[in-house]
Amino acid sequence: MKKISLGLLCELLQHALARMMDLNGVEPFINPVDRKEFPDYDKYVVHPMDLNLIKQNITKGLYGSTEAFLADVQWILHNSMSLNIGSGQVDVRFFGAHDRAWVPAKDCFLYSEKDPNNFRTKRQDLLDSIQEAEDHIRNISKKFGKFVHPPFKTQFEPSKLNEQIKLMVRKFNNRHINRQADPGNTVLSYKLSTPRPLIV
């Protein structure tokens, strides 16, 4: 595909956004969520996003690709589901098959060296998933320094996401969050090795 200029990309994204804003039922997604109306918002949402923020990002030329734009749109969907499910479920991405599912937070643990499952023999797809998770950890280590495995069966707490990441990846800080990245490809992704969780 031929590359286009940033100016043309922004123009096309503005057109796409205008069409989105014309849809019926879009009103709740135009402006930031009112924290007075939803006092627990920050407990469930780690990456706030709304259509006006996307509009500002387009105007500032912050989207270098359609994928970056789409990622922020997907954050709106993700946040809406997180808020409206209200049952403490987590949008989980799985290593291996790259499936995703909504899993109760109480069933998610940080990725530890010891497998919380008690399989006597592991299927090949599980072994492949674990290998992919370990490769992901090596990539994180190259970028941010040593990865520290948390203690066995450390419960994942969505409201403490940044703190838990910091425990595993000491050099991580909020500046490393790429606001234009796909929610599934950032350090904040909820990655699981089927069925062994890796929350990074």
Protein backbone atom coordinates (compact mmCIF):
# COMPACT_ATOMS: atom_id res chain seq x y z
CA MET A 1 0.00 0.00 0.00
CA LYS A 2 1.29 3.42 -0.89
CA LYS A 3 1.99 5.71 2.03
CA ILE A 4 -0.06 8.88 2.30
CA SER A 5 0.84 12.19 3.88
CA LEU A 6 -0.07 12.91 7.48
CA GLY A 7 -2.29 15.75 6.28
CA LEU A 8 -4.31 13.46 4.01
CA LEU A 9 -4.52 10.81 6.74
CA CYS A 10 -5.87 13.38 9.19
CA GLU A 11 -8.42 14.55 6.62
CA LEU A 12 -9.61 10.98 6.05
CA LEU A 13 -9.76 10.27 9.79
CA GLN A 14 -11.80 13.46 10.34
CA HIS A 15 -14.24 12.23 7.71
CA ALA A 16 -14.49 8.80 9.39
CA LEU A 17 -14.98 10.44 12.79
CA ALA A 18 -17.70 12.75 11.41
CA ARG A 19 -19.59 9.69 10.13
CA MET A 20 -19.21 8.00 13.52
CA MET A 21 -20.55 11.09 15.30
CA ASP A 22 -23.64 11.07 13.05
CA LEU A 23 -24.69 7.62 14.24
CA ASN A 24 -27.74 7.18 16.46
CA GLY A 25 -26.88 6.50 20.10
CA VAL A 26 -23.37 7.98 19.92
CA GLU A 27 -24.08 10.72 22.49
CA PRO A 28 -22.64 8.90 25.56
CA PHE A 29 -19.32 8.49 23.75
CA ILE A 30 -18.77 12.06 22.55
CA ASN A 31 -17.46 13.58 25.81
CA PRO A 32 -15.47 12.20 28.75
CA VAL A 33 -17.43 10.17 31.30
CA ASP A 34 -18.76 12.30 34.15
CA ARG A 35 -16.90 11.09 37.25
CA LYS A 36 -19.74 12.39 39.47
CA GLU A 37 -22.17 10.13 37.65
CA PHE A 38 -19.72 7.18 37.68
CA PRO A 39 -17.55 7.58 40.81
CA ASP A 40 -15.95 4.13 40.29
CA TYR A 41 -14.90 4.97 36.72
CA ASP A 42 -11.15 4.97 37.47
CA LYS A 43 -11.49 1.61 39.19
CA TYR A 44 -12.58 -0.04 35.94
CA VAL A 45 -11.03 2.14 33.22
CA VAL A 46 -7.26 2.46 32.80
CA HIS A 47 -7.26 4.29 29.45
CA PRO A 48 -10.08 6.88 29.20
CA MET A 49 -11.15 7.71 25.66
CA ASP A 50 -14.00 9.59 24.00
CA LEU A 51 -14.78 10.87 20.51
CA ASN A 52 -13.85 14.50 21.30
CA LEU A 53 -10.43 13.32 22.54
CA ILE A 54 -10.02 11.39 19.29
CA LYS A 55 -10.99 14.56 17.40
CA GLN A 56 -8.29 16.50 19.30
CA ASN A 57 -5.75 13.78 18.53
CA ILE A 58 -6.58 13.98 14.82
CA THR A 59 -6.23 17.78 14.90
CA LYS A 60 -2.84 17.49 16.62
CA GLY A 61 -1.70 14.91 14.04
CA LEU A 62 -1.14 12.24 16.70
CA TYR A 63 -2.37 9.33 14.58
CA GLY A 64 0.30 8.05 12.25
CA SER A 65 -1.87 5.25 10.90
CA THR A 66 -5.44 4.07 10.65
CA GLU A 67 -4.54 1.32 13.12
CA ALA A 68 -3.67 3.90 15.78
CA PHE A 69 -7.01 5.63 15.21
CA LEU A 70 -8.85 2.31 15.36
CA ALA A 71 -7.07 1.43 18.60
CA ASP A 72 -8.45 4.51 20.34
CA VAL A 73 -11.93 3.74 19.00
CA GLN A 74 -11.56 0.23 20.41
CA TRP A 75 -10.67 1.75 23.80
CA ILE A 76 -14.10 3.42 23.81
CA LEU A 77 -15.76 0.02 23.28
CA HIS A 78 -13.50 -1.65 25.83
CA ASN A 79 -14.16 1.04 28.46
CA SER A 80 -17.89 0.96 27.85
CA MET A 81 -17.97 -2.79 28.32
CA SER A 82 -15.80 -2.57 31.44
CA LEU A 83 -18.11 0.00 32.98
CA ASN A 84 -21.39 -1.53 31.95
CA ILE A 85 -20.61 -5.11 32.80
CA GLY A 86 -19.91 -3.90 36.32
CA SER A 87 -19.16 -7.42 37.47
CA GLY A 88 -15.42 -6.99 37.68
CA GLN A 89 -14.67 -8.79 34.43
CA VAL A 90 -11.45 -8.28 32.50
CA ASP A 91 -11.00 -8.21 28.71
CA VAL A 92 -8.39 -10.97 28.40
CA ARG A 93 -6.18 -11.70 25.38
CA PHE A 94 -4.77 -15.21 25.16
CA PHE A 95 -1.34 -16.22 23.93
CA GLY A 96 -1.28 -19.01 21.40
CA ALA A 97 -4.65 -18.89 19.66
CA HIS A 98 -4.86 -15.12 20.26
CA ASP A 99 -8.46 -15.44 21.35
CA ARG A 100 -10.06 -13.04 23.76
CA ALA A 101 -12.72 -13.38 26.42
CA TRP A 102 -14.31 -11.59 29.34
CA VAL A 103 -13.02 -13.32 32.46
CA PRO A 104 -13.93 -12.46 36.06
CA ALA A 105 -11.03 -10.56 37.63
CA LYS A 106 -11.13 -13.00 40.56
CA ASP A 107 -10.01 -15.74 38.15
CA CYS A 108 -7.00 -13.79 36.85
CA PHE A 109 -3.55 -14.01 38.39
CA LEU A 110 -0.30 -12.30 37.54
CA TYR A 111 2.09 -14.42 35.52
CA SER A 112 4.28 -16.35 37.95
CA GLU A 113 7.09 -18.82 37.39
CA LYS A 114 4.94 -21.62 38.77
CA ASP A 115 1.93 -22.68 36.70
CA PRO A 116 -1.28 -22.44 38.79
CA ASN A 117 -2.77 -25.35 36.84
CA ASN A 118 -2.07 -28.91 37.93
CA PHE A 119 -1.84 -30.63 34.56
CA ARG A 120 0.28 -33.78 34.65
CA THR A 121 1.02 -33.49 30.95
CA LYS A 122 0.67 -30.34 28.92
CA ARG A 123 -0.86 -30.20 25.47
CA GLN A 124 1.31 -28.84 22.66
CA ASP A 125 -0.91 -25.77 22.21
CA LEU A 126 -0.43 -24.91 25.89
CA LEU A 127 3.34 -25.39 25.59
CA ASP A 128 3.34 -23.13 22.52
CA SER A 129 1.35 -20.51 24.44
CA ILE A 130 3.79 -20.61 27.34
CA GLN A 131 6.70 -20.24 24.92
CA GLU A 132 5.02 -17.22 23.31
CA ALA A 133 4.45 -15.69 26.77
CA GLU A 134 8.12 -16.22 27.64
CA ASP A 135 9.15 -14.59 24.33
CA HIS A 136 6.90 -11.64 25.21
CA ILE A 137 8.57 -11.36 28.62
CA ARG A 138 12.01 -11.37 26.95
CA ASN A 139 10.88 -8.50 24.69
CA ILE A 140 9.59 -6.57 27.71
CA SER A 141 12.91 -7.18 29.48
CA LYS A 142 14.86 -5.83 26.49
CA LYS A 143 12.76 -2.68 26.46
CA PHE A 144 12.22 -2.02 30.18
CA GLY A 145 14.80 -4.09 32.04
CA LYS A 146 14.41 -7.23 34.11
CA PHE A 147 10.95 -8.78 34.44
CA VAL A 148 10.21 -9.86 38.02
CA HIS A 149 7.78 -12.74 38.36
CA PRO A 150 5.28 -12.05 41.13
CA PRO A 151 4.61 -14.57 43.88
CA PHE A 152 2.52 -17.61 43.01
CA LYS A 153 -1.22 -16.89 42.57
CA THR A 154 -0.97 -13.11 43.00
CA GLN A 155 -4.51 -11.90 42.34
CA PHE A 156 -4.94 -9.41 39.50
CA GLU A 157 -6.56 -6.18 40.69
CA PRO A 158 -7.82 -3.96 37.84
CA SER A 159 -7.83 -0.89 40.07
CA LYS A 160 -4.11 -1.40 40.78
CA LEU A 161 -3.01 -2.17 37.23
CA ASN A 162 -0.14 0.34 37.04
CA GLU A 163 1.14 -0.66 40.49
CA GLN A 164 1.09 -4.34 39.55
CA ILE A 165 2.89 -3.67 36.27
CA LYS A 166 5.50 -1.66 38.17
CA LEU A 167 6.09 -4.65 40.50
CA MET A 168 6.86 -6.88 37.52
CA VAL A 169 8.57 -4.30 35.29
CA ARG A 170 10.42 -1.94 37.63
CA LYS A 171 11.42 0.62 34.97
CA PHE A 172 7.87 0.95 33.64
CA ASN A 173 6.10 4.25 34.16
CA ASN A 174 3.03 5.89 32.67
CA ARG A 175 5.16 7.67 30.04
CA HIS A 176 5.61 4.28 28.38
CA ILE A 177 1.90 4.02 27.58
CA ASN A 178 1.42 4.57 23.87
CA ARG A 179 -2.01 6.19 23.64
CA GLN A 180 -2.19 5.35 19.94
CA ALA A 181 -1.34 1.69 20.25
CA ASP A 182 -3.80 -1.14 19.91
CA PRO A 183 -5.09 -2.06 23.38
CA GLY A 184 -3.97 -5.60 22.62
CA ASN A 185 -0.38 -4.59 21.87
CA THR A 186 0.56 -2.26 24.71
CA VAL A 187 2.32 -2.99 27.95
CA LEU A 188 -1.11 -2.58 29.50
CA SER A 189 -2.57 -5.52 27.61
CA TYR A 190 -4.25 -8.23 29.59
CA LYS A 191 -2.34 -11.20 28.18
CA LEU A 192 -3.01 -14.74 29.26
CA SER A 193 -1.22 -17.89 28.42
CA THR A 194 -4.03 -20.37 28.03
CA PRO A 195 -5.04 -20.95 30.76
CA ARG A 196 -2.14 -19.39 32.68
CA PRO A 197 -2.53 -15.60 33.06
CA LEU A 198 0.06 -13.01 32.20
CA ILE A 199 -1.12 -9.54 33.05
CA VAL A 200 1.29 -7.07 31.44
